[in-house]
Full PDB file with SEQRES, HELIX, SHEET, SSBOND, CRYST1, ORIGX, SCALE, CONECT and MASTER records, all heavy atoms in Angstrom:
SEQRES   1 A   34  PHE GLU LYS LYS LEU ASN ASN LEU LYS ASP THR GLN GLU          
SEQRES   2 A   34  SER ILE GLN GLY LEU SER THR TRP CYS LEU ASN HIS LYS          
SEQRES   3 A   34  SER ASP LEU ASN HIS ILE ILE LYS                              
HELIX    1 AA1 GLU A    2  ASN A    6  1                                   5    
HELIX    2 AA2 GLN A   12  ASN A   24  1                                  13    
HELIX    3 AA3 LYS A   26  ASP A   28  5                                   3    
HELIX    4 AA4 LEU A   29  ILE A   33  1                                   5    
CRYST1    1.000    1.000    1.000  90.00  90.00  90.00 P 1           1          
ORIGX1      1.000000  0.000000  0.000000        0.00000                         
ORIGX2      0.000000  1.000000  0.000000        0.00000                         
ORIGX3      0.000000  0.000000  1.000000        0.00000                         
SCALE1      1.000000  0.000000  0.000000        0.00000                         
SCALE2      0.000000  1.000000  0.000000        0.00000                         
SCALE3      0.000000  0.000000  1.000000        0.00000                         
ATOM      1  N   PHE A   1      91.034  41.173  94.758  1.00  0.00           N  
ATOM      2  CA  PHE A   1      91.951  41.871  93.848  1.00  0.00           C  
ATOM      3  C   PHE A   1      92.016  43.365  94.167  1.00  0.00           C  
ATOM      4  O   PHE A   1      93.075  43.966  94.110  1.00  0.00           O  
ATOM      5  CB  PHE A   1      91.556  41.639  92.385  1.00  0.00           C  
ATOM      6  CG  PHE A   1      92.499  42.294  91.423  1.00  0.00           C  
ATOM      7  CD1 PHE A   1      93.838  41.932  91.379  1.00  0.00           C  
ATOM      8  CD2 PHE A   1      92.064  43.298  90.564  1.00  0.00           C  
ATOM      9  CE1 PHE A   1      94.728  42.547  90.503  1.00  0.00           C  
ATOM     10  CE2 PHE A   1      92.938  43.912  89.685  1.00  0.00           C  
ATOM     11  CZ  PHE A   1      94.287  43.531  89.657  1.00  0.00           C  
ATOM     12  N   GLU A   2      90.873  43.958  94.532  1.00  0.00           N  
ATOM     13  CA  GLU A   2      90.875  45.381  94.903  1.00  0.00           C  
ATOM     14  C   GLU A   2      91.785  45.630  96.095  1.00  0.00           C  
ATOM     15  O   GLU A   2      92.490  46.641  96.135  1.00  0.00           O  
ATOM     16  CB  GLU A   2      89.450  45.859  95.197  1.00  0.00           C  
ATOM     17  CG  GLU A   2      88.677  46.147  93.917  1.00  0.00           C  
ATOM     18  CD  GLU A   2      87.237  46.562  94.165  1.00  0.00           C  
ATOM     19  OE1 GLU A   2      86.961  47.200  95.199  1.00  0.00           O  
ATOM     20  OE2 GLU A   2      86.399  46.240  93.316  1.00  0.00           O  
ATOM     21  N   LYS A   3      91.763  44.709  97.065  1.00  0.00           N  
ATOM     22  CA  LYS A   3      92.668  44.821  98.210  1.00  0.00           C  
ATOM     23  C   LYS A   3      94.113  44.787  97.747  1.00  0.00           C  
ATOM     24  O   LYS A   3      94.942  45.557  98.212  1.00  0.00           O  
ATOM     25  CB  LYS A   3      92.421  43.672  99.195  1.00  0.00           C  
ATOM     26  CG  LYS A   3      91.685  44.089 100.430  1.00  0.00           C  
ATOM     27  CD  LYS A   3      91.639  42.951 101.453  1.00  0.00           C  
ATOM     28  CE  LYS A   3      90.320  42.974 102.177  1.00  0.00           C  
ATOM     29  NZ  LYS A   3      89.422  41.875 101.856  1.00  0.00           N  
ATOM     30  N   LYS A   4      94.409  43.874  96.834  1.00  0.00           N  
ATOM     31  CA  LYS A   4      95.761  43.767  96.292  1.00  0.00           C  
ATOM     32  C   LYS A   4      96.170  45.082  95.611  1.00  0.00           C  
ATOM     33  O   LYS A   4      97.287  45.544  95.771  1.00  0.00           O  
ATOM     34  CB  LYS A   4      95.859  42.621  95.285  1.00  0.00           C  
ATOM     35  CG  LYS A   4      95.856  41.240  95.921  1.00  0.00           C  
ATOM     36  CD  LYS A   4      95.974  40.179  94.835  1.00  0.00           C  
ATOM     37  CE  LYS A   4      96.076  38.788  95.383  1.00  0.00           C  
ATOM     38  NZ  LYS A   4      97.256  38.532  96.206  1.00  0.00           N  
ATOM     39  N   LEU A   5      95.237  45.677  94.863  1.00  0.00           N  
ATOM     40  CA  LEU A   5      95.532  46.946  94.188  1.00  0.00           C  
ATOM     41  C   LEU A   5      95.778  48.058  95.206  1.00  0.00           C  
ATOM     42  O   LEU A   5      96.681  48.869  95.038  1.00  0.00           O  
ATOM     43  CB  LEU A   5      94.377  47.352  93.265  1.00  0.00           C  
ATOM     44  CG  LEU A   5      94.270  46.621  91.933  1.00  0.00           C  
ATOM     45  CD1 LEU A   5      93.012  47.066  91.204  1.00  0.00           C  
ATOM     46  CD2 LEU A   5      95.485  46.844  91.069  1.00  0.00           C  
ATOM     47  N   ASN A   6      94.952  48.091  96.242  1.00  0.00           N  
ATOM     48  CA  ASN A   6      95.097  49.124  97.270  1.00  0.00           C  
ATOM     49  C   ASN A   6      96.398  48.985  98.046  1.00  0.00           C  
ATOM     50  O   ASN A   6      96.944  49.977  98.536  1.00  0.00           O  
ATOM     51  CB  ASN A   6      93.914  49.113  98.235  1.00  0.00           C  
ATOM     52  CG  ASN A   6      92.630  49.541  97.558  1.00  0.00           C  
ATOM     53  OD1 ASN A   6      92.654  50.281  96.573  1.00  0.00           O  
ATOM     54  ND2 ASN A   6      91.503  49.069  98.055  1.00  0.00           N  
ATOM     55  N   ASN A   7      96.889  47.760  98.168  1.00  0.00           N  
ATOM     56  CA  ASN A   7      98.129  47.519  98.903  1.00  0.00           C  
ATOM     57  C   ASN A   7      99.374  47.560  98.022  1.00  0.00           C  
ATOM     58  O   ASN A   7     100.478  47.360  98.509  1.00  0.00           O  
ATOM     59  CB  ASN A   7      98.056  46.165  99.617  1.00  0.00           C  
ATOM     60  CG  ASN A   7      96.995  46.163 100.694  1.00  0.00           C  
ATOM     61  OD1 ASN A   7      96.736  47.190 101.322  1.00  0.00           O  
ATOM     62  ND2 ASN A   7      96.351  45.030 100.894  1.00  0.00           N  
ATOM     63  N   LEU A   8      99.174  47.812  96.742  1.00  0.00           N  
ATOM     64  CA  LEU A   8     100.297  47.845  95.807  1.00  0.00           C  
ATOM     65  C   LEU A   8     101.255  48.979  96.168  1.00  0.00           C  
ATOM     66  O   LEU A   8     100.840  50.122  96.355  1.00  0.00           O  
ATOM     67  CB  LEU A   8      99.770  48.024  94.378  1.00  0.00           C  
ATOM     68  CG  LEU A   8     100.806  47.981  93.262  1.00  0.00           C  
ATOM     69  CD1 LEU A   8     101.428  46.587  93.153  1.00  0.00           C  
ATOM     70  CD2 LEU A   8     100.150  48.351  91.934  1.00  0.00           C  
ATOM     71  N   LYS A   9     102.522  48.635  96.278  1.00  0.00           N  
ATOM     72  CA  LYS A   9     103.553  49.629  96.602  1.00  0.00           C  
ATOM     73  C   LYS A   9     104.358  49.940  95.347  1.00  0.00           C  
ATOM     74  O   LYS A   9     104.434  49.132  94.431  1.00  0.00           O  
ATOM     75  CB  LYS A   9     104.506  49.081  97.675  1.00  0.00           C  
ATOM     76  CG  LYS A   9     103.837  48.630  98.947  1.00  0.00           C  
ATOM     77  CD  LYS A   9     103.576  49.793  99.878  1.00  0.00           C  
ATOM     78  CE  LYS A   9     102.790  49.415 101.091  1.00  0.00           C  
ATOM     79  NZ  LYS A   9     101.340  49.401 100.926  1.00  0.00           N  
ATOM     80  N   ASP A  10     104.994  51.109  95.368  1.00  0.00           N  
ATOM     81  CA  ASP A  10     105.822  51.518  94.231  1.00  0.00           C  
ATOM     82  C   ASP A  10     107.212  50.891  94.344  1.00  0.00           C  
ATOM     83  O   ASP A  10     108.218  51.581  94.409  1.00  0.00           O  
ATOM     84  CB  ASP A  10     105.914  53.053  94.184  1.00  0.00           C  
ATOM     85  CG  ASP A  10     106.608  53.530  92.917  1.00  0.00           C  
ATOM     86  OD1 ASP A  10     106.787  52.716  91.992  1.00  0.00           O  
ATOM     87  OD2 ASP A  10     107.000  54.707  92.868  1.00  0.00           O  
ATOM     88  N   THR A  11     107.235  49.562  94.425  1.00  0.00           N  
ATOM     89  CA  THR A  11     108.515  48.849  94.436  1.00  0.00           C  
ATOM     90  C   THR A  11     108.448  47.799  93.336  1.00  0.00           C  
ATOM     91  O   THR A  11     107.368  47.302  93.010  1.00  0.00           O  
ATOM     92  CB  THR A  11     108.781  48.126  95.775  1.00  0.00           C  
ATOM     93  OG1 THR A  11     107.787  47.107  95.943  1.00  0.00           O  
ATOM     94  CG2 THR A  11     108.752  49.089  96.951  1.00  0.00           C  
ATOM     95  N   GLN A  12     109.604  47.475  92.797  1.00  0.00           N  
ATOM     96  CA  GLN A  12     109.663  46.485  91.732  1.00  0.00           C  
ATOM     97  C   GLN A  12     109.072  45.154  92.216  1.00  0.00           C  
ATOM     98  O   GLN A  12     108.308  44.507  91.508  1.00  0.00           O  
ATOM     99  CB  GLN A  12     111.113  46.301  91.305  1.00  0.00           C  
ATOM    100  CG  GLN A  12     111.270  45.547  90.012  1.00  0.00           C  
ATOM    101  CD  GLN A  12     112.707  45.523  89.525  1.00  0.00           C  
ATOM    102  OE1 GLN A  12     113.600  46.040  90.175  1.00  0.00           O  
ATOM    103  NE2 GLN A  12     112.919  44.913  88.388  1.00  0.00           N  
ATOM    104  N   GLU A  13     109.399  44.799  93.439  1.00  0.00           N  
ATOM    105  CA  GLU A  13     108.939  43.534  94.015  1.00  0.00           C  
ATOM    106  C   GLU A  13     107.406  43.482  94.094  1.00  0.00           C  
ATOM    107  O   GLU A  13     106.780  42.505  93.695  1.00  0.00           O  
ATOM    108  CB  GLU A  13     109.539  43.390  95.415  1.00  0.00           C  
ATOM    109  CG  GLU A  13     109.371  42.033  96.031  1.00  0.00           C  
ATOM    110  CD  GLU A  13     109.954  41.972  97.446  1.00  0.00           C  
ATOM    111  OE1 GLU A  13     110.477  42.998  97.942  1.00  0.00           O  
ATOM    112  OE2 GLU A  13     109.862  40.895  98.039  1.00  0.00           O  
ATOM    113  N   SER A  14     106.812  44.551  94.604  1.00  0.00           N  
ATOM    114  CA  SER A  14     105.361  44.623  94.755  1.00  0.00           C  
ATOM    115  C   SER A  14     104.672  44.582  93.386  1.00  0.00           C  
ATOM    116  O   SER A  14     103.712  43.836  93.182  1.00  0.00           O  
ATOM    117  CB  SER A  14     104.986  45.900  95.507  1.00  0.00           C  
ATOM    118  OG  SER A  14     103.595  45.992  95.675  1.00  0.00           O  
ATOM    119  N   ILE A  15     105.182  45.373  92.455  1.00  0.00           N  
ATOM    120  CA  ILE A  15     104.581  45.455  91.119  1.00  0.00           C  
ATOM    121  C   ILE A  15     104.713  44.123  90.382  1.00  0.00           C  
ATOM    122  O   ILE A  15     103.742  43.610  89.829  1.00  0.00           O  
ATOM    123  CB  ILE A  15     105.203  46.621  90.317  1.00  0.00           C  
ATOM    124  CG1 ILE A  15     104.750  47.960  90.934  1.00  0.00           C  
ATOM    125  CG2 ILE A  15     104.812  46.551  88.837  1.00  0.00           C  
ATOM    126  CD1 ILE A  15     105.540  49.165  90.488  1.00  0.00           C  
ATOM    127  N   GLN A  16     105.913  43.525  90.425  1.00  0.00           N  
ATOM    128  CA  GLN A  16     106.114  42.255  89.723  1.00  0.00           C  
ATOM    129  C   GLN A  16     105.298  41.130  90.356  1.00  0.00           C  
ATOM    130  O   GLN A  16     104.791  40.261  89.666  1.00  0.00           O  
ATOM    131  CB  GLN A  16     107.599  41.881  89.690  1.00  0.00           C  
ATOM    132  CG  GLN A  16     108.359  42.721  88.678  1.00  0.00           C  
ATOM    133  CD  GLN A  16     109.848  42.438  88.671  1.00  0.00           C  
ATOM    134  OE1 GLN A  16     110.411  41.933  89.641  1.00  0.00           O  
ATOM    135  NE2 GLN A  16     110.493  42.789  87.581  1.00  0.00           N  
ATOM    136  N   GLY A  17     105.175  41.179  91.674  1.00  0.00           N  
ATOM    137  CA  GLY A  17     104.387  40.161  92.366  1.00  0.00           C  
ATOM    138  C   GLY A  17     102.932  40.186  91.929  1.00  0.00           C  
ATOM    139  O   GLY A  17     102.341  39.139  91.614  1.00  0.00           O  
ATOM    140  N   LEU A  18     102.356  41.385  91.891  1.00  0.00           N  
ATOM    141  CA  LEU A  18     100.950  41.493  91.490  1.00  0.00           C  
ATOM    142  C   LEU A  18     100.790  41.234  89.989  1.00  0.00           C  
ATOM    143  O   LEU A  18      99.799  40.649  89.549  1.00  0.00           O  
ATOM    144  CB  LEU A  18     100.367  42.855  91.880  1.00  0.00           C  
ATOM    145  CG  LEU A  18      98.850  42.974  91.731  1.00  0.00           C  
ATOM    146  CD1 LEU A  18      98.088  41.822  92.397  1.00  0.00           C  
ATOM    147  CD2 LEU A  18      98.348  44.295  92.300  1.00  0.00           C  
ATOM    148  N   SER A  19     101.781  41.630  89.212  1.00  0.00           N  
ATOM    149  CA  SER A  19     101.755  41.368  87.777  1.00  0.00           C  
ATOM    150  C   SER A  19     101.729  39.861  87.511  1.00  0.00           C  
ATOM    151  O   SER A  19     100.937  39.368  86.697  1.00  0.00           O  
ATOM    152  CB  SER A  19     102.985  41.997  87.121  1.00  0.00           C  
ATOM    153  OG  SER A  19     103.086  41.612  85.775  1.00  0.00           O  
ATOM    154  N   THR A  20     102.566  39.125  88.230  1.00  0.00           N  
ATOM    155  CA  THR A  20     102.594  37.664  88.106  1.00  0.00           C  
ATOM    156  C   THR A  20     101.243  37.077  88.498  1.00  0.00           C  
ATOM    157  O   THR A  20     100.721  36.188  87.814  1.00  0.00           O  
ATOM    158  CB  THR A  20     103.720  37.077  88.994  1.00  0.00           C  
ATOM    159  OG1 THR A  20     104.956  37.654  88.572  1.00  0.00           O  
ATOM    160  CG2 THR A  20     103.799  35.568  88.880  1.00  0.00           C  
ATOM    161  N   TRP A  21     100.680  37.604  89.570  1.00  0.00           N  
ATOM    162  CA  TRP A  21      99.358  37.152  90.012  1.00  0.00           C  
ATOM    163  C   TRP A  21      98.332  37.367  88.889  1.00  0.00           C  
ATOM    164  O   TRP A  21      97.534  36.475  88.585  1.00  0.00           O  
ATOM    165  CB  TRP A  21      98.947  37.900  91.292  1.00  0.00           C  
ATOM    166  CG  TRP A  21      97.665  37.391  91.882  1.00  0.00           C  
ATOM    167  CD1 TRP A  21      97.514  36.416  92.829  1.00  0.00           C  
ATOM    168  CD2 TRP A  21      96.333  37.829  91.553  1.00  0.00           C  
ATOM    169  NE1 TRP A  21      96.182  36.220  93.099  1.00  0.00           N  
ATOM    170  CE2 TRP A  21      95.431  37.073  92.332  1.00  0.00           C  
ATOM    171  CE3 TRP A  21      95.813  38.774  90.669  1.00  0.00           C  
ATOM    172  CZ2 TRP A  21      94.048  37.239  92.267  1.00  0.00           C  
ATOM    173  CZ3 TRP A  21      94.434  38.941  90.590  1.00  0.00           C  
ATOM    174  CH2 TRP A  21      93.568  38.171  91.390  1.00  0.00           C  
ATOM    175  N   CYS A  22      98.353  38.558  88.282  1.00  0.00           N  
ATOM    176  CA  CYS A  22      97.410  38.869  87.191  1.00  0.00           C  
ATOM    177  C   CYS A  22      97.576  37.887  86.029  1.00  0.00           C  
ATOM    178  O   CYS A  22      96.591  37.401  85.475  1.00  0.00           O  
ATOM    179  CB  CYS A  22      97.628  40.289  86.675  1.00  0.00           C  
ATOM    180  SG  CYS A  22      97.139  41.576  87.836  1.00  0.00           S  
ATOM    181  N   LEU A  23      98.821  37.614  85.670  1.00  0.00           N  
ATOM    182  CA  LEU A  23      99.069  36.703  84.544  1.00  0.00           C  
ATOM    183  C   LEU A  23      98.660  35.268  84.890  1.00  0.00           C  
ATOM    184  O   LEU A  23      98.209  34.525  84.022  1.00  0.00           O  
ATOM    185  CB  LEU A  23     100.538  36.767  84.120  1.00  0.00           C  
ATOM    186  CG  LEU A  23     100.911  38.074  83.407  1.00  0.00           C  
ATOM    187  CD1 LEU A  23     102.409  38.251  83.331  1.00  0.00           C  
ATOM    188  CD2 LEU A  23     100.285  38.147  82.025  1.00  0.00           C  
ATOM    189  N   ASN A  24      98.796  34.897  86.151  1.00  0.00           N  
ATOM    190  CA  ASN A  24      98.358  33.565  86.583  1.00  0.00           C  
ATOM    191  C   ASN A  24      96.830  33.457  86.611  1.00  0.00           C  
ATOM    192  O   ASN A  24      96.285  32.361  86.667  1.00  0.00           O  
ATOM    193  CB  ASN A  24      98.921  33.212  87.967  1.00  0.00           C  
ATOM    194  CG  ASN A  24     100.410  32.942  87.910  1.00  0.00           C  
ATOM    195  OD1 ASN A  24     100.950  32.613  86.863  1.00  0.00           O  
ATOM    196  ND2 ASN A  24     101.076  33.100  89.033  1.00  0.00           N  
ATOM    197  N   HIS A  25      96.162  34.611  86.633  1.00  0.00           N  
ATOM    198  CA  HIS A  25      94.693  34.639  86.627  1.00  0.00           C  
ATOM    199  C   HIS A  25      94.179  35.259  85.327  1.00  0.00           C  
ATOM    200  O   HIS A  25      93.179  35.960  85.322  1.00  0.00           O  
ATOM    201  CB  HIS A  25      94.175  35.436  87.837  1.00  0.00           C  
ATOM    202  CG  HIS A  25      94.472  34.768  89.141  1.00  0.00           C  
ATOM    203  ND1 HIS A  25      95.692  34.863  89.766  1.00  0.00           N  
ATOM    204  CD2 HIS A  25      93.705  33.981  89.926  1.00  0.00           C  
ATOM    205  CE1 HIS A  25      95.667  34.165  90.888  1.00  0.00           C  
ATOM    206  NE2 HIS A  25      94.472  33.612  91.012  1.00  0.00           N  
ATOM    207  N   LYS A  26      94.891  34.986  84.235  1.00  0.00           N  
ATOM    208  CA  LYS A  26      94.545  35.666  82.980  1.00  0.00           C  
ATOM    209  C   LYS A  26      93.158  35.329  82.464  1.00  0.00           C  
ATOM    210  O   LYS A  26      92.609  36.069  81.674  1.00  0.00           O  
ATOM    211  CB  LYS A  26      95.612  35.465  81.922  1.00  0.00           C  
ATOM    212  CG  LYS A  26      95.857  34.050  81.480  1.00  0.00           C  
ATOM    213  CD  LYS A  26      96.943  34.046  80.405  1.00  0.00           C  
ATOM    214  CE  LYS A  26      97.318  32.650  79.994  1.00  0.00           C  
ATOM    215  NZ  LYS A  26      98.374  32.081  80.815  1.00  0.00           N  
ATOM    216  N   SER A  27      92.553  34.252  82.946  1.00  0.00           N  
ATOM    217  CA  SER A  27      91.179  33.955  82.537  1.00  0.00           C  
ATOM    218  C   SER A  27      90.220  35.020  83.082  1.00  0.00           C  
ATOM    219  O   SER A  27      89.138  35.227  82.542  1.00  0.00           O  
ATOM    220  CB  SER A  27      90.757  32.569  83.018  1.00  0.00           C  
ATOM    221  OG  SER A  27      90.871  32.495  84.420  1.00  0.00           O  
ATOM    222  N   ASP A  28      90.641  35.707  84.142  1.00  0.00           N  
ATOM    223  CA  ASP A  28      89.834  36.794  84.730  1.00  0.00           C  
ATOM    224  C   ASP A  28      90.313  38.166  84.283  1.00  0.00           C  
ATOM    225  O   ASP A  28      89.991  39.169  84.916  1.00  0.00           O  
ATOM    226  CB  ASP A  28      89.931  36.757  86.261  1.00  0.00           C  
ATOM    227  CG  ASP A  28      89.350  35.486  86.846  1.00  0.00           C  
ATOM    228  OD1 ASP A  28      88.347  34.992  86.295  1.00  0.00           O  
ATOM    229  OD2 ASP A  28      89.897  34.996  87.846  1.00  0.00           O  
ATOM    230  N   LEU A  29      91.091  38.207  83.210  1.00  0.00           N  
ATOM    231  CA  LEU A  29      91.743  39.464  82.838  1.00  0.00           C  
ATOM    232  C   LEU A  29      90.773  40.623  82.644  1.00  0.00           C  
ATOM    233  O   LEU A  29      91.040  41.733  83.102  1.00  0.00           O  
ATOM    234  CB  LEU A  29      92.604  39.297  81.584  1.00  0.00           C  
ATOM    235  CG  LEU A  29      93.485  40.527  81.323  1.00  0.00           C  
ATOM    236  CD1 LEU A  29      94.582  40.630  82.371  1.00  0.00           C  
ATOM    237  CD2 LEU A  29      94.075  40.522  79.945  1.00  0.00           C  
ATOM    238  N   ASN A  30      89.631  40.380  82.001  1.00  0.00           N  
ATOM    239  CA  ASN A  30      88.691  41.490  81.793  1.00  0.00           C  
ATOM    240  C   ASN A  30      88.228  42.064  83.120  1.00  0.00           C  
ATOM    241  O   ASN A  30      88.103  43.282  83.279  1.00  0.00           O  
ATOM    242  CB  ASN A  30      87.504  41.057  80.932  1.00  0.00           C  
ATOM    243  CG  ASN A  30      87.908  40.887  79.482  1.00  0.00           C  
ATOM    244  OD1 ASN A  30      88.843  41.552  79.020  1.00  0.00           O  
ATOM    245  ND2 ASN A  30      87.257  39.981  78.785  1.00  0.00           N  
ATOM    246  N   HIS A  31      88.011  41.182  84.068  1.00  0.00           N  
ATOM    247  CA  HIS A  31      87.609  41.615  85.407  1.00  0.00           C  
ATOM    248  C   HIS A  31      88.760  42.376  86.095  1.00  0.00           C  
ATOM    249  O   HIS A  31      88.541  43.409  86.717  1.00  0.00           O  
ATOM    250  CB  HIS A  31      87.203  40.389  86.216  1.00  0.00           C  
ATOM    251  CG  HIS A  31      86.725  40.732  87.572  1.00  0.00           C  
ATOM    252  ND1 HIS A  31      85.548  41.410  87.779  1.00  0.00           N  
ATOM    253  CD2 HIS A  31      87.274  40.526  88.781  1.00  0.00           C  
ATOM    254  CE1 HIS A  31      85.400  41.608  89.078  1.00  0.00           C  
ATOM    255  NE2 HIS A  31      86.430  41.073  89.705  1.00  0.00           N  
ATOM    256  N   ILE A  32      89.970  41.857  85.955  1.00  0.00           N  
ATOM    257  CA  ILE A  32      91.159  42.494  86.530  1.00  0.00           C  
ATOM    258  C   ILE A  32      91.318  43.907  85.961  1.00  0.00           C  
ATOM    259  O   ILE A  32      91.546  44.863  86.693  1.00  0.00           O  
ATOM    260  CB  ILE A  32      92.412  41.627  86.253  1.00  0.00           C  
ATOM    261  CG1 ILE A  32      92.376  40.375  87.148  1.00  0.00           C  
ATOM    262  CG2 ILE A  32      93.691  42.419  86.446  1.00  0.00           C  
ATOM    263  CD1 ILE A  32      93.407  39.315  86.808  1.00  0.00           C  
ATOM    264  N   ILE A  33      91.160  44.024  84.653  1.00  0.00           N  
ATOM    265  CA  ILE A  33      91.305  45.328  84.000  1.00  0.00           C  
ATOM    266  C   ILE A  33      90.229  46.303  84.496  1.00  0.00           C  
ATOM    267  O   ILE A  33      90.520  47.474  84.746  1.00  0.00           O  
ATOM    268  CB  ILE A  33      91.271  45.181  82.458  1.00  0.00           C  
ATOM    269  CG1 ILE A  33      92.532  44.434  81.975  1.00  0.00           C  
ATOM    270  CG2 ILE A  33      91.172  46.542  81.778  1.00  0.00           C  
ATOM    271  CD1 ILE A  33      92.503  44.042  80.510  1.00  0.00           C  
ATOM    272  N   LYS A  34      89.003  45.819  84.651  1.00  0.00           N  
ATOM    273  CA  LYS A  34      87.919  46.682  85.170  1.00  0.00           C  
ATOM    274  C   LYS A  34      88.253  47.211  86.560  1.00  0.00           C  
ATOM    275  O   LYS A  34      88.060  48.395  86.850  1.00  0.00           O  
ATOM    276  CB  LYS A  34      86.604  45.901  85.230  1.00  0.00           C  
ATOM    277  CG  LYS A  34      85.712  46.127  84.049  1.00  0.00           C  
ATOM    278  CD  LYS A  34      84.312  45.550  84.313  1.00  0.00           C  
ATOM    279  CE  LYS A  34      83.651  45.198  83.014  1.00  0.00           C  
ATOM    280  NZ  LYS A  34      83.517  43.762  82.751  1.00  0.00           N  
TER     281      LYS A  34                                                      
MASTER        0    0    0    4    0    0    0    6  280    1    0    3          
END                                                                             
C-alpha cells in the first residue's frame, strides 16, 4: 500500500483507482489510514 501511495498521481484516474482499492480493502481501513 505504501508503494501505491508513493506512486499516486494528481489525476482523477489515479486517485479514483486507489480510492476504489481502499474501499475494496475496507477491512484493513485502520491500517490504510495509518
